């Protein structure tokens, strides 16, 4: 048996937006996102279309349509958006790809004055 580990070599993000917690959660739940990601005090909603995974398999490059994020200091396994609507949250703070992703998002925020506000 042969095993080859071939990590994704490039992640292309088409859009990044900081959102309020309320807007991020409501958008996620109405759009059909099945989980959110928590890393180092931030909550991420990541939109990736199925065709993106096909592209990644062929090229090892993953196009991500949209990432929305908000400060979220304390990890919790679920967040109740409203009564009966819960979103699971996955703690990815020990995953290299997500650490690099958050670093890129925060560096982009620092470079783009329109991406900062007093709430973040």
PDB file of N, CA and C in Angstrom:
ATOM      1  N   UNK A   1       0.840  -1.174   0.000  1.00  0.00           N
ATOM      2  CA  UNK A   1       0.000   0.000   0.000  1.00  0.00           C
ATOM      3  C   UNK A   1       0.891   1.245   0.000  1.00  0.00           C
ATOM      4  N   UNK A   2       0.501   2.211  -0.799  1.00  0.00           N
ATOM      5  CA  UNK A   2       1.226   3.481  -0.861  1.00  0.00           C
ATOM      6  C   UNK A   2       0.336   4.576  -0.281  1.00  0.00           C
ATOM      7  N   UNK A   3       0.923   5.392   0.573  1.00  0.00           N
ATOM      8  CA  UNK A   3       0.190   6.514   1.162  1.00  0.00           C
ATOM      9  C   UNK A   3       0.943   7.784   0.823  1.00  0.00           C
ATOM     10  N   UNK A   4       0.228   8.730   0.266  1.00  0.00           N
ATOM     11  CA  UNK A   4       0.830  10.007  -0.077  1.00  0.00           C
ATOM     12  C   UNK A   4       0.010  11.118   0.573  1.00  0.00           C
ATOM     13  N   UNK A   5       0.671  11.962   1.322  1.00  0.00           N
ATOM     14  CA  UNK A   5       0.006  13.112   1.929  1.00  0.00           C
ATOM     15  C   UNK A   5       0.331  14.315   1.063  1.00  0.00           C
ATOM     16  N   UNK A   6      -0.700  14.893   0.456  1.00  0.00           N
ATOM     17  CA  UNK A   6      -0.511  16.033  -0.447  1.00  0.00           C
ATOM     18  C   UNK A   6      -1.401  17.182   0.014  1.00  0.00           C
ATOM     19  N   UNK A   7      -0.885  18.020   0.890  1.00  0.00           N
ATOM     20  CA  UNK A   7      -1.705  19.123   1.390  1.00  0.00           C
ATOM     21  C   UNK A   7      -2.047  20.130   0.299  1.00  0.00           C
ATOM     22  N   UNK A   8      -3.119  20.846   0.535  1.00  0.00           N
ATOM     23  CA  UNK A   8      -3.507  21.927  -0.361  1.00  0.00           C
ATOM     24  C   UNK A   8      -2.359  22.918  -0.419  1.00  0.00           C
ATOM     25  N   UNK A   9      -1.973  23.310  -1.639  1.00  0.00           N
ATOM     26  CA  UNK A   9      -0.830  24.212  -1.757  1.00  0.00           C
ATOM     27  C   UNK A   9      -1.247  25.680  -1.807  1.00  0.00           C
ATOM     28  N   UNK A  10      -2.514  25.946  -2.130  1.00  0.00           N
ATOM     29  CA  UNK A  10      -2.950  27.338  -2.215  1.00  0.00           C
ATOM     30  C   UNK A  10      -4.428  27.441  -1.866  1.00  0.00           C
ATOM     31  N   UNK A  11      -4.758  28.440  -1.067  1.00  0.00           N
ATOM     32  CA  UNK A  11      -6.133  28.745  -0.704  1.00  0.00           C
ATOM     33  C   UNK A  11      -6.414  30.150  -1.229  1.00  0.00           C
ATOM     34  N   UNK A  12      -7.366  30.274  -2.135  1.00  0.00           N
ATOM     35  CA  UNK A  12      -7.722  31.572  -2.693  1.00  0.00           C
ATOM     36  C   UNK A  12      -9.072  31.982  -2.120  1.00  0.00           C
ATOM     37  N   UNK A  13      -9.098  33.132  -1.456  1.00  0.00           N
ATOM     38  CA  UNK A  13     -10.320  33.605  -0.817  1.00  0.00           C
ATOM     39  C   UNK A  13     -10.851  34.775  -1.634  1.00  0.00           C
ATOM     40  N   UNK A  14     -12.066  34.627  -2.133  1.00  0.00           N
ATOM     41  CA  UNK A  14     -12.638  35.651  -3.002  1.00  0.00           C
ATOM     42  C   UNK A  14     -13.258  36.811  -2.230  1.00  0.00           C
ATOM     43  N   UNK A  15     -13.685  36.567  -0.999  1.00  0.00           N
ATOM     44  CA  UNK A  15     -14.262  37.648  -0.205  1.00  0.00           C
ATOM     45  C   UNK A  15     -14.102  37.400   1.281  1.00  0.00           C
ATOM     46  N   UNK A  16     -13.755  38.451   2.021  1.00  0.00           N
ATOM     47  CA  UNK A  16     -13.619  38.386   3.470  1.00  0.00           C
ATOM     48  C   UNK A  16     -14.342  39.581   4.066  1.00  0.00           C
ATOM     49  N   UNK A  17     -15.223  39.317   5.035  1.00  0.00           N
ATOM     50  CA  UNK A  17     -15.948  40.399   5.694  1.00  0.00           C
ATOM     51  C   UNK A  17     -16.053  40.155   7.181  1.00  0.00           C
ATOM     52  N   UNK A  18     -15.801  41.206   7.956  1.00  0.00           N
ATOM     53  CA  UNK A  18     -16.075  41.141   9.385  1.00  0.00           C
ATOM     54  C   UNK A  18     -17.557  41.464   9.539  1.00  0.00           C
ATOM     55  N   UNK A  19     -18.256  40.679  10.350  1.00  0.00           N
ATOM     56  CA  UNK A  19     -19.700  40.864  10.539  1.00  0.00           C
ATOM     57  C   UNK A  19     -19.990  40.981  12.026  1.00  0.00           C
ATOM     58  N   UNK A  20     -21.166  41.445  12.330  1.00  0.00           N
ATOM     59  CA  UNK A  20     -21.610  41.381  13.714  1.00  0.00           C
ATOM     60  C   UNK A  20     -21.954  39.921  14.002  1.00  0.00           C
ATOM     61  N   UNK A  21     -21.914  39.542  15.277  1.00  0.00           N
ATOM     62  CA  UNK A  21     -22.242  38.172  15.644  1.00  0.00           C
ATOM     63  C   UNK A  21     -23.653  37.821  15.192  1.00  0.00           C
ATOM     64  N   UNK A  22     -24.591  38.700  15.438  1.00  0.00           N
ATOM     65  CA  UNK A  22     -25.987  38.453  15.067  1.00  0.00           C
ATOM     66  C   UNK A  22     -26.130  38.221  13.561  1.00  0.00           C
ATOM     67  N   UNK A  23     -25.498  39.068  12.759  1.00  0.00           N
ATOM     68  CA  UNK A  23     -25.609  38.922  11.302  1.00  0.00           C
ATOM     69  C   UNK A  23     -24.896  37.672  10.793  1.00  0.00           C
ATOM     70  N   UNK A  24     -23.737  37.363  11.344  1.00  0.00           N
ATOM     71  CA  UNK A  24     -23.019  36.164  10.927  1.00  0.00           C
ATOM     72  C   UNK A  24     -23.836  34.912  11.241  1.00  0.00           C
ATOM     73  N   UNK A  25     -24.390  34.848  12.448  1.00  0.00           N
ATOM     74  CA  UNK A  25     -25.169  33.673  12.840  1.00  0.00           C
ATOM     75  C   UNK A  25     -26.440  33.531  12.014  1.00  0.00           C
ATOM     76  N   UNK A  26     -27.140  34.630  11.803  1.00  0.00           N
ATOM     77  CA  UNK A  26     -28.395  34.555  11.052  1.00  0.00           C
ATOM     78  C   UNK A  26     -28.124  34.179   9.601  1.00  0.00           C
ATOM     79  N   UNK A  27     -27.119  34.790   8.998  1.00  0.00           N
ATOM     80  CA  UNK A  27     -26.766  34.458   7.617  1.00  0.00           C
ATOM     81  C   UNK A  27     -26.385  32.981   7.508  1.00  0.00           C
ATOM     82  N   UNK A  28     -25.570  32.506   8.440  1.00  0.00           N
ATOM     83  CA  UNK A  28     -25.134  31.108   8.428  1.00  0.00           C
ATOM     84  C   UNK A  28     -26.303  30.148   8.527  1.00  0.00           C
ATOM     85  N   UNK A  29     -27.227  30.446   9.429  1.00  0.00           N
ATOM     86  CA  UNK A  29     -28.344  29.521   9.634  1.00  0.00           C
ATOM     87  C   UNK A  29     -29.338  29.551   8.479  1.00  0.00           C
ATOM     88  N   UNK A  30     -29.538  30.698   7.868  1.00  0.00           N
ATOM     89  CA  UNK A  30     -30.500  30.768   6.759  1.00  0.00           C
ATOM     90  C   UNK A  30     -29.881  30.304   5.444  1.00  0.00           C
ATOM     91  N   UNK A  31     -28.560  30.388   5.340  1.00  0.00           N
ATOM     92  CA  UNK A  31     -27.890  29.975   4.108  1.00  0.00           C
ATOM     93  C   UNK A  31     -27.641  28.474   4.067  1.00  0.00           C
ATOM     94  N   UNK A  32     -27.811  27.811   5.200  1.00  0.00           N
ATOM     95  CA  UNK A  32     -27.632  26.364   5.222  1.00  0.00           C
ATOM     96  C   UNK A  32     -26.237  25.906   5.586  1.00  0.00           C
ATOM     97  N   UNK A  33     -25.441  26.788   6.163  1.00  0.00           N
ATOM     98  CA  UNK A  33     -24.118  26.384   6.633  1.00  0.00           C
ATOM     99  C   UNK A  33     -24.330  25.395   7.770  1.00  0.00           C
ATOM    100  N   UNK A  34     -23.615  24.278   7.745  1.00  0.00           N
ATOM    101  CA  UNK A  34     -23.865  23.250   8.754  1.00  0.00           C
ATOM    102  C   UNK A  34     -22.935  23.310   9.955  1.00  0.00           C
ATOM    103  N   UNK A  35     -21.934  24.211   9.938  1.00  0.00           N
ATOM    104  CA  UNK A  35     -21.060  24.385  11.100  1.00  0.00           C
ATOM    105  C   UNK A  35     -20.240  25.656  10.922  1.00  0.00           C
ATOM    106  N   UNK A  36     -19.818  26.192  12.061  1.00  0.00           N
ATOM    107  CA  UNK A  36     -18.919  27.335  12.090  1.00  0.00           C
ATOM    108  C   UNK A  36     -17.600  26.871  12.683  1.00  0.00           C
ATOM    109  N   UNK A  37     -16.574  27.690  12.541  1.00  0.00           N
ATOM    110  CA  UNK A  37     -15.249  27.328  13.019  1.00  0.00           C
ATOM    111  C   UNK A  37     -14.757  28.369  14.018  1.00  0.00           C
ATOM    112  N   UNK A  38     -14.186  27.895  15.132  1.00  0.00           N
ATOM    113  CA  UNK A  38     -13.636  28.789  16.150  1.00  0.00           C
ATOM    114  C   UNK A  38     -12.130  28.590  16.213  1.00  0.00           C
ATOM    115  N   UNK A  39     -11.414  29.728  16.199  1.00  0.00           N
ATOM    116  CA  UNK A  39      -9.965  29.663  16.333  1.00  0.00           C
ATOM    117  C   UNK A  39      -9.466  30.920  17.041  1.00  0.00           C
ATOM    118  N   UNK A  40      -8.779  30.717  18.126  1.00  0.00           N
ATOM    119  CA  UNK A  40      -8.084  31.780  18.853  1.00  0.00           C
ATOM    120  C   UNK A  40      -8.931  33.039  19.064  1.00  0.00           C
ATOM    121  N   UNK A  41     -10.161  32.852  19.497  1.00  0.00           N
ATOM    122  CA  UNK A  41     -11.015  33.993  19.818  1.00  0.00           C
ATOM    123  C   UNK A  41     -11.798  34.567  18.655  1.00  0.00           C
ATOM    124  N   UNK A  42     -11.841  33.865  17.536  1.00  0.00           N
ATOM    125  CA  UNK A  42     -12.612  34.310  16.378  1.00  0.00           C
ATOM    126  C   UNK A  42     -13.532  33.195  15.905  1.00  0.00           C
ATOM    127  N   UNK A  43     -14.689  33.588  15.426  1.00  0.00           N
ATOM    128  CA  UNK A  43     -15.650  32.676  14.840  1.00  0.00           C
ATOM    129  C   UNK A  43     -15.650  32.918  13.334  1.00  0.00           C
ATOM    130  N   UNK A  44     -15.511  31.832  12.554  1.00  0.00           N
ATOM    131  CA  UNK A  44     -15.457  31.935  11.093  1.00  0.00           C
ATOM    132  C   UNK A  44     -16.613  31.182  10.460  1.00  0.00           C
ATOM    133  N   UNK A  45     -17.202  31.792   9.466  1.00  0.00           N
ATOM    134  CA  UNK A  45     -18.175  31.121   8.601  1.00  0.00           C
ATOM    135  C   UNK A  45     -17.517  31.055   7.223  1.00  0.00           C
ATOM    136  N   UNK A  46     -17.380  29.854   6.704  1.00  0.00           N
ATOM    137  CA  UNK A  46     -16.638  29.655   5.456  1.00  0.00           C
ATOM    138  C   UNK A  46     -17.565  29.034   4.413  1.00  0.00           C
ATOM    139  N   UNK A  47     -17.680  29.726   3.284  1.00  0.00           N
ATOM    140  CA  UNK A  47     -18.526  29.243   2.190  1.00  0.00           C
ATOM    141  C   UNK A  47     -17.634  28.677   1.087  1.00  0.00           C
ATOM    142  N   UNK A  48     -17.810  27.390   0.831  1.00  0.00           N
ATOM    143  CA  UNK A  48     -17.052  26.699  -0.220  1.00  0.00           C
ATOM    144  C   UNK A  48     -18.046  25.883  -1.040  1.00  0.00           C
ATOM    145  N   UNK A  49     -18.074  26.112  -2.333  1.00  0.00           N
ATOM    146  CA  UNK A  49     -18.974  25.357  -3.195  1.00  0.00           C
ATOM    147  C   UNK A  49     -18.398  23.983  -3.512  1.00  0.00           C
ATOM    148  N   UNK A  50     -19.262  23.014  -3.793  1.00  0.00           N
ATOM    149  CA  UNK A  50     -18.827  21.650  -4.097  1.00  0.00           C
ATOM    150  C   UNK A  50     -17.819  21.613  -5.244  1.00  0.00           C
ATOM    151  N   UNK A  51     -18.004  22.437  -6.253  1.00  0.00           N
ATOM    152  CA  UNK A  51     -17.078  22.473  -7.401  1.00  0.00           C
ATOM    153  C   UNK A  51     -15.665  22.854  -6.957  1.00  0.00           C
ATOM    154  N   UNK A  52     -15.575  23.611  -5.856  1.00  0.00           N
ATOM    155  CA  UNK A  52     -14.251  23.997  -5.347  1.00  0.00           C
ATOM    156  C   UNK A  52     -13.458  22.777  -4.920  1.00  0.00           C
ATOM    157  N   UNK A  53     -14.136  21.801  -4.323  1.00  0.00           N
ATOM    158  CA  UNK A  53     -13.439  20.585  -3.889  1.00  0.00           C
ATOM    159  C   UNK A  53     -12.963  19.777  -5.089  1.00  0.00           C
ATOM    160  N   UNK A  54     -13.749  19.743  -6.143  1.00  0.00           N
ATOM    161  CA  UNK A  54     -13.317  19.064  -7.366  1.00  0.00           C
ATOM    162  C   UNK A  54     -12.058  19.729  -7.920  1.00  0.00           C
ATOM    163  N   UNK A  55     -12.062  21.056  -7.904  1.00  0.00           N
ATOM    164  CA  UNK A  55     -10.901  21.815  -8.377  1.00  0.00           C
ATOM    165  C   UNK A  55      -9.677  21.528  -7.499  1.00  0.00           C
ATOM    166  N   UNK A  56      -9.892  21.452  -6.188  1.00  0.00           N
ATOM    167  CA  UNK A  56      -8.783  21.184  -5.265  1.00  0.00           C
ATOM    168  C   UNK A  56      -8.168  19.806  -5.516  1.00  0.00           C
ATOM    169  N   UNK A  57      -9.001  18.827  -5.777  1.00  0.00           N
ATOM    170  CA  UNK A  57      -8.500  17.476  -6.032  1.00  0.00           C
ATOM    171  C   UNK A  57      -7.602  17.462  -7.268  1.00  0.00           C
ATOM    172  N   UNK A  58      -7.985  18.233  -8.290  1.00  0.00           N
ATOM    173  CA  UNK A  58      -7.208  18.261  -9.532  1.00  0.00           C
ATOM    174  C   UNK A  58      -5.930  19.091  -9.401  1.00  0.00           C
ATOM    175  N   UNK A  59      -6.010  20.227  -8.673  1.00  0.00           N
ATOM    176  CA  UNK A  59      -4.905  21.191  -8.706  1.00  0.00           C
ATOM    177  C   UNK A  59      -4.216  21.423  -7.359  1.00  0.00           C
ATOM    178  N   UNK A  60      -4.799  20.909  -6.261  1.00  0.00           N
ATOM    179  CA  UNK A  60      -4.336  21.180  -4.899  1.00  0.00           C
ATOM    180  C   UNK A  60      -4.482  22.647  -4.527  1.00  0.00           C
ATOM    181  N   UNK A  61      -5.354  23.361  -5.259  1.00  0.00           N
ATOM    182  CA  UNK A  61      -5.681  24.756  -4.970  1.00  0.00           C
ATOM    183  C   UNK A  61      -7.168  24.836  -4.667  1.00  0.00           C
ATOM    184  N   UNK A  62      -7.510  25.438  -3.509  1.00  0.00           N
ATOM    185  CA  UNK A  62      -8.900  25.497  -3.078  1.00  0.00           C
ATOM    186  C   UNK A  62      -9.426  26.922  -3.153  1.00  0.00           C
ATOM    187  N   UNK A  63     -10.389  27.194  -4.042  1.00  0.00           N
ATOM    188  CA  UNK A  63     -11.034  28.502  -4.044  1.00  0.00           C
ATOM    189  C   UNK A  63     -12.161  28.540  -2.997  1.00  0.00           C
ATOM    190  N   UNK A  64     -12.112  29.552  -2.138  1.00  0.00           N
ATOM    191  CA  UNK A  64     -13.134  29.760  -1.113  1.00  0.00           C
ATOM    192  C   UNK A  64     -13.934  30.985  -1.525  1.00  0.00           C
ATOM    193  N   UNK A  65     -15.242  30.832  -1.596  1.00  0.00           N
ATOM    194  CA  UNK A  65     -16.085  31.917  -2.078  1.00  0.00           C
ATOM    195  C   UNK A  65     -16.138  33.079  -1.101  1.00  0.00           C
ATOM    196  N   UNK A  66     -16.374  32.790   0.182  1.00  0.00           N
ATOM    197  CA  UNK A  66     -16.575  33.862   1.154  1.00  0.00           C
ATOM    198  C   UNK A  66     -16.195  33.383   2.550  1.00  0.00           C
ATOM    199  N   UNK A  67     -15.553  34.256   3.305  1.00  0.00           N
ATOM    200  CA  UNK A  67     -15.315  34.018   4.723  1.00  0.00           C
ATOM    201  C   UNK A  67     -15.820  35.236   5.482  1.00  0.00           C
ATOM    202  N   UNK A  68     -16.664  34.988   6.464  1.00  0.00           N
ATOM    203  CA  UNK A  68     -17.105  36.043   7.370  1.00  0.00           C
ATOM    204  C   UNK A  68     -16.576  35.691   8.748  1.00  0.00           C
ATOM    205  N   UNK A  69     -16.216  36.714   9.522  1.00  0.00           N
ATOM    206  CA  UNK A  69     -15.631  36.453  10.828  1.00  0.00           C
ATOM    207  C   UNK A  69     -16.087  37.505  11.833  1.00  0.00           C
ATOM    208  N   UNK A  70     -15.969  37.134  13.101  1.00  0.00           N
ATOM    209  CA  UNK A  70     -16.302  38.034  14.207  1.00  0.00           C
ATOM    210  C   UNK A  70     -15.483  37.601  15.420  1.00  0.00           C
ATOM    211  N   UNK A  71     -15.140  38.561  16.269  1.00  0.00           N
ATOM    212  CA  UNK A  71     -14.488  38.198  17.534  1.00  0.00           C
ATOM    213  C   UNK A  71     -15.473  37.385  18.354  1.00  0.00           C
ATOM    214  N   UNK A  72     -14.981  36.306  18.947  1.00  0.00           N
ATOM    215  CA  UNK A  72     -15.815  35.396  19.730  1.00  0.00           C
ATOM    216  C   UNK A  72     -14.894  34.767  20.765  1.00  0.00           C
ATOM    217  N   UNK A  73     -14.653  35.482  21.868  1.00  0.00           N
ATOM    218  CA  UNK A  73     -13.575  35.107  22.792  1.00  0.00           C
ATOM    219  C   UNK A  73     -13.662  33.705  23.388  1.00  0.00           C
ATOM    220  N   UNK A  74     -14.840  33.233  23.712  1.00  0.00           N
ATOM    221  CA  UNK A  74     -14.954  31.965  24.429  1.00  0.00           C
ATOM    222  C   UNK A  74     -15.558  30.891  23.526  1.00  0.00           C
ATOM    223  N   UNK A  75     -14.869  29.763  23.429  1.00  0.00           N
ATOM    224  CA  UNK A  75     -15.359  28.644  22.625  1.00  0.00           C
ATOM    225  C   UNK A  75     -16.567  27.984  23.282  1.00  0.00           C
ATOM    226  N   UNK A  76     -17.523  27.618  22.465  1.00  0.00           N
ATOM    227  CA  UNK A  76     -18.668  26.816  22.879  1.00  0.00           C
ATOM    228  C   UNK A  76     -18.981  25.856  21.740  1.00  0.00           C
ATOM    229  N   UNK A  77     -19.496  24.671  22.048  1.00  0.00           N
ATOM    230  CA  UNK A  77     -19.739  23.658  21.008  1.00  0.00           C
ATOM    231  C   UNK A  77     -20.941  23.981  20.131  1.00  0.00           C
ATOM    232  N   UNK A  78     -21.905  24.716  20.670  1.00  0.00           N
ATOM    233  CA  UNK A  78     -23.101  25.102  19.922  1.00  0.00           C
ATOM    234  C   UNK A  78     -23.440  26.548  20.231  1.00  0.00           C
ATOM    235  N   UNK A  79     -24.121  27.199  19.294  1.00  0.00           N
ATOM    236  CA  UNK A  79     -24.652  28.527  19.560  1.00  0.00           C
ATOM    237  C   UNK A  79     -26.116  28.513  19.139  1.00  0.00           C
ATOM    238  N   UNK A  80     -26.968  28.947  20.037  1.00  0.00           N
ATOM    239  CA  UNK A  80     -28.404  28.988  19.723  1.00  0.00           C
ATOM    240  C   UNK A  80     -28.717  30.326  19.073  1.00  0.00           C
ATOM    241  N   UNK A  81     -29.022  30.286  17.779  1.00  0.00           N
ATOM    242  CA  UNK A  81     -29.320  31.490  17.011  1.00  0.00           C
ATOM    243  C   UNK A  81     -30.659  32.058  17.468  1.00  0.00           C
ATOM    244  N   UNK A  82     -31.627  31.197  17.573  1.00  0.00           N
ATOM    245  CA  UNK A  82     -32.911  31.504  18.178  1.00  0.00           C
ATOM    246  C   UNK A  82     -33.519  30.182  18.611  1.00  0.00           C
ATOM    247  N   UNK A  83     -34.601  30.238  19.318  1.00  0.00           N
ATOM    248  CA  UNK A  83     -35.163  29.016  19.894  1.00  0.00           C
ATOM    249  C   UNK A  83     -35.328  27.932  18.821  1.00  0.00           C
ATOM    250  N   UNK A  84     -34.675  26.806  19.057  1.00  0.00           N
ATOM    251  CA  UNK A  84     -34.763  25.671  18.147  1.00  0.00           C
ATOM    252  C   UNK A  84     -33.759  25.688  17.001  1.00  0.00           C
ATOM    253  N   UNK A  85     -32.992  26.764  16.855  1.00  0.00           N
ATOM    254  CA  UNK A  85     -32.006  26.847  15.772  1.00  0.00           C
ATOM    255  C   UNK A  85     -30.616  26.957  16.398  1.00  0.00           C
ATOM    256  N   UNK A  86     -29.875  25.865  16.327  1.00  0.00           N
ATOM    257  CA  UNK A  86     -28.516  25.835  16.867  1.00  0.00           C
ATOM    258  C   UNK A  86     -27.514  25.560  15.750  1.00  0.00           C
ATOM    259  N   UNK A  87     -26.371  26.202  15.849  1.00  0.00           N
ATOM    260  CA  UNK A  87     -25.279  25.935  14.923  1.00  0.00           C
ATOM    261  C   UNK A  87     -24.125  25.305  15.693  1.00  0.00           C
ATOM    262  N   UNK A  88     -23.607  24.166  15.217  1.00  0.00           N
ATOM    263  CA  UNK A  88     -22.421  23.593  15.853  1.00  0.00           C
ATOM    264  C   UNK A  88     -21.186  24.431  15.528  1.00  0.00           C
ATOM    265  N   UNK A  89     -20.267  24.477  16.482  1.00  0.00           N
ATOM    266  CA  UNK A  89     -19.024  25.216  16.303  1.00  0.00           C
ATOM    267  C   UNK A  89     -17.869  24.243  16.543  1.00  0.00           C
ATOM    268  N   UNK A  90     -16.975  24.180  15.579  1.00  0.00           N
ATOM    269  CA  UNK A  90     -15.829  23.274  15.651  1.00  0.00           C
ATOM    270  C   UNK A  90     -14.597  24.061  16.087  1.00  0.00           C
ATOM    271  N   UNK A  91     -13.915  23.577  17.112  1.00  0.00           N
ATOM    272  CA  UNK A  91     -12.678  24.198  17.573  1.00  0.00           C
ATOM    273  C   UNK A  91     -11.540  23.716  16.671  1.00  0.00           C
ATOM    274  N   UNK A  92     -11.011  24.629  15.862  1.00  0.00           N
ATOM    275  CA  UNK A  92      -9.942  24.272  14.920  1.00  0.00           C
ATOM    276  C   UNK A  92      -8.622  24.951  15.280  1.00  0.00           C
ATOM    277  N   UNK A  93      -8.517  25.386  16.539  1.00  0.00           N
ATOM    278  CA  UNK A  93      -7.346  26.164  16.942  1.00  0.00           C
ATOM    279  C   UNK A  93      -6.049  25.358  16.929  1.00  0.00           C
ATOM    280  N   UNK A  94      -6.140  24.037  16.794  1.00  0.00           N
ATOM    281  CA  UNK A  94      -4.923  23.234  16.720  1.00  0.00           C
ATOM    282  C   UNK A  94      -4.620  22.758  15.302  1.00  0.00           C
ATOM    283  N   UNK A  95      -5.268  23.366  14.310  1.00  0.00           N
ATOM    284  CA  UNK A  95      -5.074  22.960  12.914  1.00  0.00           C
ATOM    285  C   UNK A  95      -4.256  24.016  12.163  1.00  0.00           C
ATOM    286  N   UNK A  96      -3.182  23.570  11.557  1.00  0.00           N
ATOM    287  CA  UNK A  96      -2.237  24.467  10.871  1.00  0.00           C
ATOM    288  C   UNK A  96      -2.900  25.319   9.792  1.00  0.00           C
ATOM    289  N   UNK A  97      -3.742  24.708   8.946  1.00  0.00           N
ATOM    290  CA  UNK A  97      -4.363  25.463   7.871  1.00  0.00           C
ATOM    291  C   UNK A  97      -5.216  26.612   8.413  1.00  0.00           C
ATOM    292  N   UNK A  98      -5.978  26.360   9.478  1.00  0.00           N
ATOM    293  CA  UNK A  98      -6.834  27.391  10.040  1.00  0.00           C
ATOM    294  C   UNK A  98      -6.004  28.479  10.724  1.00  0.00           C
ATOM    295  N   UNK A  99      -4.879  28.119  11.335  1.00  0.00           N
ATOM    296  CA  UNK A  99      -3.996  29.128  11.932  1.00  0.00           C
ATOM    297  C   UNK A  99      -3.473  30.069  10.841  1.00  0.00           C
ATOM    298  N   UNK A 100      -3.056  29.500   9.720  1.00  0.00           N
ATOM    299  CA  UNK A 100      -2.564  30.319   8.616  1.00  0.00           C
ATOM    300  C   UNK A 100      -3.686  31.164   8.016  1.00  0.00           C
ATOM    301  N   UNK A 101      -4.873  30.609   7.947  1.00  0.00           N
ATOM    302  CA  UNK A 101      -6.027  31.332   7.417  1.00  0.00           C
ATOM    303  C   UNK A 101      -6.363  32.535   8.288  1.00  0.00           C
ATOM    304  N   UNK A 102      -6.442  32.339   9.600  1.00  0.00           N
ATOM    305  CA  UNK A 102      -6.745  33.453  10.501  1.00  0.00           C
ATOM    306  C   UNK A 102      -5.662  34.524  10.420  1.00  0.00           C
ATOM    307  N   UNK A 103      -4.415  34.114  10.359  1.00  0.00           N
ATOM    308  CA  UNK A 103      -3.315  35.079  10.239  1.00  0.00           C
ATOM    309  C   UNK A 103      -3.489  35.928   8.981  1.00  0.00           C
ATOM    310  N   UNK A 104      -3.826  35.300   7.863  1.00  0.00           N
ATOM    311  CA  UNK A 104      -4.021  36.030   6.603  1.00  0.00           C
ATOM    312  C   UNK A 104      -5.205  36.992   6.701  1.00  0.00           C
ATOM    313  N   UNK A 105      -6.278  36.553   7.341  1.00  0.00           N
ATOM    314  CA  UNK A 105      -7.462  37.415   7.502  1.00  0.00           C
ATOM    315  C   UNK A 105      -7.101  38.642   8.332  1.00  0.00           C
ATOM    316  N   UNK A 106      -6.419  38.435   9.447  1.00  0.00           N
ATOM    317  CA  UNK A 106      -6.083  39.552  10.333  1.00  0.00           C
ATOM    318  C   UNK A 106      -5.059  40.483   9.692  1.00  0.00           C
ATOM    319  N   UNK A 107      -4.116  39.939   8.924  1.00  0.00           N
ATOM    320  CA  UNK A 107      -3.160  40.788   8.209  1.00  0.00           C
ATOM    321  C   UNK A 107      -3.872  41.611   7.140  1.00  0.00           C
ATOM    322  N   UNK A 108      -4.850  41.028   6.470  1.00  0.00           N
ATOM    323  CA  UNK A 108      -5.618  41.747   5.463  1.00  0.00           C
ATOM    324  C   UNK A 108      -6.415  42.876   6.112  1.00  0.00           C
ATOM    325  N   UNK A 109      -6.950  42.607   7.298  1.00  0.00           N
ATOM    326  CA  UNK A 109      -7.728  43.610   8.031  1.00  0.00           C
ATOM    327  C   UNK A 109      -6.848  44.809   8.364  1.00  0.00           C
ATOM    328  N   UNK A 110      -5.599  44.552   8.756  1.00  0.00           N
ATOM    329  CA  UNK A 110      -4.685  45.632   9.106  1.00  0.00           C
ATOM    330  C   UNK A 110      -4.311  46.474   7.888  1.00  0.00           C
ATOM    331  N   UNK A 111      -4.248  45.862   6.715  1.00  0.00           N
ATOM    332  CA  UNK A 111      -3.876  46.575   5.495  1.00  0.00           C
ATOM    333  C   UNK A 111      -5.029  47.389   4.928  1.00  0.00           C
ATOM    334  N   UNK A 112      -6.273  46.990   5.237  1.00  0.00           N
ATOM    335  CA  UNK A 112      -7.456  47.612   4.649  1.00  0.00           C
ATOM    336  C   UNK A 112      -8.191  48.417   5.717  1.00  0.00           C
ATOM    337  N   UNK A 113      -8.036  49.759   5.717  1.00  0.00           N
ATOM    338  CA  UNK A 113      -8.683  50.584   6.736  1.00  0.00           C
ATOM    339  C   UNK A 113     -10.206  50.433   6.761  1.00  0.00           C
ATOM    340  N   UNK A 114     -10.797  50.112   5.636  1.00  0.00           N
ATOM    341  CA  UNK A 114     -12.263  49.926   5.587  1.00  0.00           C
ATOM    342  C   UNK A 114     -12.689  48.663   6.322  1.00  0.00           C
ATOM    343  N   UNK A 115     -11.751  47.783   6.596  1.00  0.00           N
ATOM    344  CA  UNK A 115     -12.086  46.502   7.245  1.00  0.00           C
ATOM    345  C   UNK A 115     -11.993  46.568   8.772  1.00  0.00           C
ATOM    346  N   UNK A 116     -11.682  47.730   9.325  1.00  0.00           N
ATOM    347  CA  UNK A 116     -11.554  47.839  10.771  1.00  0.00           C
ATOM    348  C   UNK A 116     -12.629  48.750  11.342  1.00  0.00           C
ATOM    349  N   UNK A 117     -12.994  48.473  12.575  1.00  0.00           N
ATOM    350  CA  UNK A 117     -13.930  49.326  13.289  1.00  0.00           C
ATOM    351  C   UNK A 117     -13.658  49.222  14.769  1.00  0.00           C
ATOM    352  N   UNK A 118     -14.328  50.022  15.542  1.00  0.00           N
ATOM    353  CA  UNK A 118     -14.096  50.013  16.985  1.00  0.00           C
ATOM    354  C   UNK A 118     -14.616  48.733  17.635  1.00  0.00           C
ATOM    355  N   UNK A 119     -15.476  47.973  16.933  1.00  0.00           N
ATOM    356  CA  UNK A 119     -16.007  46.737  17.510  1.00  0.00           C
ATOM    357  C   UNK A 119     -15.054  45.563  17.355  1.00  0.00           C
ATOM    358  N   UNK A 120     -13.954  45.747  16.639  1.00  0.00           N
ATOM    359  CA  UNK A 120     -13.032  44.640  16.417  1.00  0.00           C
ATOM    360  C   UNK A 120     -11.624  45.007  16.768  1.00  0.00           C
TER     361      UNK A 120
END
